[in-house]
């Protein structure tokens, strides 16, 4: 992962770069305070260029930790990241995971 930003005063985290074995623990650490607080947690993947199943596991674990206290909203996945989400059927793995597709172009999201 090259960059992560928590949007001040919200349950939104913007990630960029790669989410893989090397960065998964860092992503989990960034998510932890928001997950512990409960409520909706939004993960913006619009600038993530690569994610493997290790990243999927981090998202599922966050949803499990939220349990009845909130939901995980995954937003902005594109290209290969979107394909990994579809192949792993992330949308159906936990009832509190919600995938929001976004039609905004990468250039428009900058």
C-alpha atoms as a PDB file:
ATOM      1  CA  UNK A   1       0.000   0.000   0.000  1.00  0.00           C
ATOM      2  CA  UNK A   2       1.446   3.319  -0.985  1.00  0.00           C
ATOM      3  CA  UNK A   3      -0.944   5.635   0.779  1.00  0.00           C
ATOM      4  CA  UNK A   4      -3.901   5.620   3.117  1.00  0.00           C
ATOM      5  CA  UNK A   5      -5.917   8.523   4.351  1.00  0.00           C
ATOM      6  CA  UNK A   6      -8.671   8.615   6.940  1.00  0.00           C
ATOM      7  CA  UNK A   7     -11.127  11.329   6.006  1.00  0.00           C
ATOM      8  CA  UNK A   8     -11.311  13.551   9.073  1.00  0.00           C
ATOM      9  CA  UNK A   9     -14.450  13.191  11.164  1.00  0.00           C
ATOM     10  CA  UNK A  10     -15.883  10.325   9.150  1.00  0.00           C
ATOM     11  CA  UNK A  11     -15.857   6.569   8.842  1.00  0.00           C
ATOM     12  CA  UNK A  12     -14.112   6.764   5.443  1.00  0.00           C
ATOM     13  CA  UNK A  13     -10.652   5.491   4.623  1.00  0.00           C
ATOM     14  CA  UNK A  14      -9.103   6.089   1.202  1.00  0.00           C
ATOM     15  CA  UNK A  15      -6.504   3.564   0.122  1.00  0.00           C
ATOM     16  CA  UNK A  16      -4.137   3.688  -2.825  1.00  0.00           C
ATOM     17  CA  UNK A  17      -1.434   1.538  -4.348  1.00  0.00           C
ATOM     18  CA  UNK A  18      -1.369  -2.208  -3.727  1.00  0.00           C
ATOM     19  CA  UNK A  19      -3.090  -4.275  -1.052  1.00  0.00           C
ATOM     20  CA  UNK A  20      -1.286  -7.579  -0.750  1.00  0.00           C
ATOM     21  CA  UNK A  21       0.609  -9.692   1.766  1.00  0.00           C
ATOM     22  CA  UNK A  22       3.160  -6.914   2.323  1.00  0.00           C
ATOM     23  CA  UNK A  23       0.566  -4.247   3.132  1.00  0.00           C
ATOM     24  CA  UNK A  24      -2.413  -6.166   4.562  1.00  0.00           C
ATOM     25  CA  UNK A  25      -1.403  -5.779   8.222  1.00  0.00           C
ATOM     26  CA  UNK A  26      -1.047  -2.023   7.736  1.00  0.00           C
ATOM     27  CA  UNK A  27      -4.517  -1.792   6.189  1.00  0.00           C
ATOM     28  CA  UNK A  28      -5.960  -3.813   9.080  1.00  0.00           C
ATOM     29  CA  UNK A  29      -4.305  -1.468  11.592  1.00  0.00           C
ATOM     30  CA  UNK A  30      -5.768   1.566   9.827  1.00  0.00           C
ATOM     31  CA  UNK A  31      -9.237   0.031   9.832  1.00  0.00           C
ATOM     32  CA  UNK A  32      -9.128  -1.065  13.473  1.00  0.00           C
ATOM     33  CA  UNK A  33     -10.159   2.227  15.173  1.00  0.00           C
ATOM     34  CA  UNK A  34     -13.114   2.693  12.823  1.00  0.00           C
ATOM     35  CA  UNK A  35     -14.190  -0.926  13.233  1.00  0.00           C
ATOM     36  CA  UNK A  36     -13.918  -0.666  17.014  1.00  0.00           C
ATOM     37  CA  UNK A  37     -16.089   2.470  16.937  1.00  0.00           C
ATOM     38  CA  UNK A  38     -18.785   0.631  14.970  1.00  0.00           C
ATOM     39  CA  UNK A  39     -21.241   2.062  12.502  1.00  0.00           C
ATOM     40  CA  UNK A  40     -20.725   2.178   8.758  1.00  0.00           C
ATOM     41  CA  UNK A  41     -17.088   2.008   7.641  1.00  0.00           C
ATOM     42  CA  UNK A  42     -16.438   3.113   4.063  1.00  0.00           C
ATOM     43  CA  UNK A  43     -13.338   1.811   2.285  1.00  0.00           C
ATOM     44  CA  UNK A  44     -12.589   3.817  -0.864  1.00  0.00           C
ATOM     45  CA  UNK A  45     -10.588   1.654  -3.286  1.00  0.00           C
ATOM     46  CA  UNK A  46     -10.740   4.049  -6.237  1.00  0.00           C
ATOM     47  CA  UNK A  47      -6.958   4.521  -6.220  1.00  0.00           C
ATOM     48  CA  UNK A  48      -5.973   0.936  -5.421  1.00  0.00           C
ATOM     49  CA  UNK A  49      -4.088  -0.519  -8.388  1.00  0.00           C
ATOM     50  CA  UNK A  50      -3.788  -4.121  -7.164  1.00  0.00           C
ATOM     51  CA  UNK A  51      -5.435  -6.280  -4.541  1.00  0.00           C
ATOM     52  CA  UNK A  52      -5.129 -10.012  -4.016  1.00  0.00           C
ATOM     53  CA  UNK A  53      -7.072 -12.358  -1.757  1.00  0.00           C
ATOM     54  CA  UNK A  54      -5.046 -11.140   1.218  1.00  0.00           C
ATOM     55  CA  UNK A  55      -6.829  -7.803   0.814  1.00  0.00           C
ATOM     56  CA  UNK A  56     -10.169  -9.602   0.567  1.00  0.00           C
ATOM     57  CA  UNK A  57      -9.362 -11.365   3.837  1.00  0.00           C
ATOM     58  CA  UNK A  58      -8.677  -8.002   5.551  1.00  0.00           C
ATOM     59  CA  UNK A  59     -12.089  -6.723   4.436  1.00  0.00           C
ATOM     60  CA  UNK A  60     -13.888  -9.882   5.577  1.00  0.00           C
ATOM     61  CA  UNK A  61     -12.131  -9.763   8.949  1.00  0.00           C
ATOM     62  CA  UNK A  62     -13.174  -6.106   9.377  1.00  0.00           C
ATOM     63  CA  UNK A  63     -16.784  -7.048   8.591  1.00  0.00           C
ATOM     64  CA  UNK A  64     -16.601  -9.930  11.079  1.00  0.00           C
ATOM     65  CA  UNK A  65     -15.235  -7.599  13.761  1.00  0.00           C
ATOM     66  CA  UNK A  66     -18.019  -5.097  13.062  1.00  0.00           C
ATOM     67  CA  UNK A  67     -20.606  -7.883  13.301  1.00  0.00           C
ATOM     68  CA  UNK A  68     -23.957  -6.465  14.405  1.00  0.00           C
ATOM     69  CA  UNK A  69     -22.458  -3.049  15.200  1.00  0.00           C
ATOM     70  CA  UNK A  70     -22.101  -1.834  11.622  1.00  0.00           C
ATOM     71  CA  UNK A  71     -21.402  -2.516   7.993  1.00  0.00           C
ATOM     72  CA  UNK A  72     -18.423  -2.328   5.680  1.00  0.00           C
ATOM     73  CA  UNK A  73     -19.043  -0.375   2.490  1.00  0.00           C
ATOM     74  CA  UNK A  74     -16.489  -1.021  -0.257  1.00  0.00           C
ATOM     75  CA  UNK A  75     -16.505   1.740  -2.838  1.00  0.00           C
ATOM     76  CA  UNK A  76     -14.778   2.613  -6.097  1.00  0.00           C
ATOM     77  CA  UNK A  77     -13.043  -0.655  -7.035  1.00  0.00           C
ATOM     78  CA  UNK A  78     -11.892  -0.683 -10.657  1.00  0.00           C
ATOM     79  CA  UNK A  79     -10.186  -2.978 -13.131  1.00  0.00           C
ATOM     80  CA  UNK A  80      -8.361  -5.914 -11.601  1.00  0.00           C
ATOM     81  CA  UNK A  81      -9.433  -4.945  -8.081  1.00  0.00           C
ATOM     82  CA  UNK A  82     -13.065  -5.100  -9.143  1.00  0.00           C
ATOM     83  CA  UNK A  83     -12.407  -8.472 -10.802  1.00  0.00           C
ATOM     84  CA  UNK A  84     -10.902  -9.916  -7.597  1.00  0.00           C
ATOM     85  CA  UNK A  85     -13.926  -8.697  -5.644  1.00  0.00           C
ATOM     86  CA  UNK A  86     -16.246 -10.342  -8.163  1.00  0.00           C
ATOM     87  CA  UNK A  87     -14.274 -13.621  -8.376  1.00  0.00           C
ATOM     88  CA  UNK A  88     -14.177 -14.032  -4.603  1.00  0.00           C
ATOM     89  CA  UNK A  89     -17.855 -13.095  -4.346  1.00  0.00           C
ATOM     90  CA  UNK A  90     -17.033 -10.625  -1.584  1.00  0.00           C
ATOM     91  CA  UNK A  91     -20.554  -9.221  -1.842  1.00  0.00           C
ATOM     92  CA  UNK A  92     -22.025 -12.509  -0.594  1.00  0.00           C
ATOM     93  CA  UNK A  93     -19.412 -13.502   2.005  1.00  0.00           C
ATOM     94  CA  UNK A  94     -20.929 -11.502   4.877  1.00  0.00           C
ATOM     95  CA  UNK A  95     -24.334  -9.847   5.195  1.00  0.00           C
ATOM     96  CA  UNK A  96     -22.752  -6.609   6.427  1.00  0.00           C
ATOM     97  CA  UNK A  97     -20.461  -6.125   3.398  1.00  0.00           C
ATOM     98  CA  UNK A  98     -21.845  -3.831   0.734  1.00  0.00           C
ATOM     99  CA  UNK A  99     -20.145  -3.163  -2.599  1.00  0.00           C
ATOM    100  CA  UNK A 100     -20.865   0.174  -4.246  1.00  0.00           C
ATOM    101  CA  UNK A 101     -19.829   0.445  -7.861  1.00  0.00           C
ATOM    102  CA  UNK A 102     -18.804   3.860  -9.102  1.00  0.00           C
ATOM    103  CA  UNK A 103     -19.033   5.244 -12.608  1.00  0.00           C
ATOM    104  CA  UNK A 104     -16.630   8.133 -11.975  1.00  0.00           C
ATOM    105  CA  UNK A 105     -13.534   7.770 -14.149  1.00  0.00           C
ATOM    106  CA  UNK A 106     -10.111   7.399 -12.556  1.00  0.00           C
ATOM    107  CA  UNK A 107      -9.159  10.848 -13.869  1.00  0.00           C
ATOM    108  CA  UNK A 108     -12.343  12.345 -12.414  1.00  0.00           C
ATOM    109  CA  UNK A 109     -11.675  10.750  -9.030  1.00  0.00           C
ATOM    110  CA  UNK A 110      -8.265  12.387  -8.634  1.00  0.00           C
END
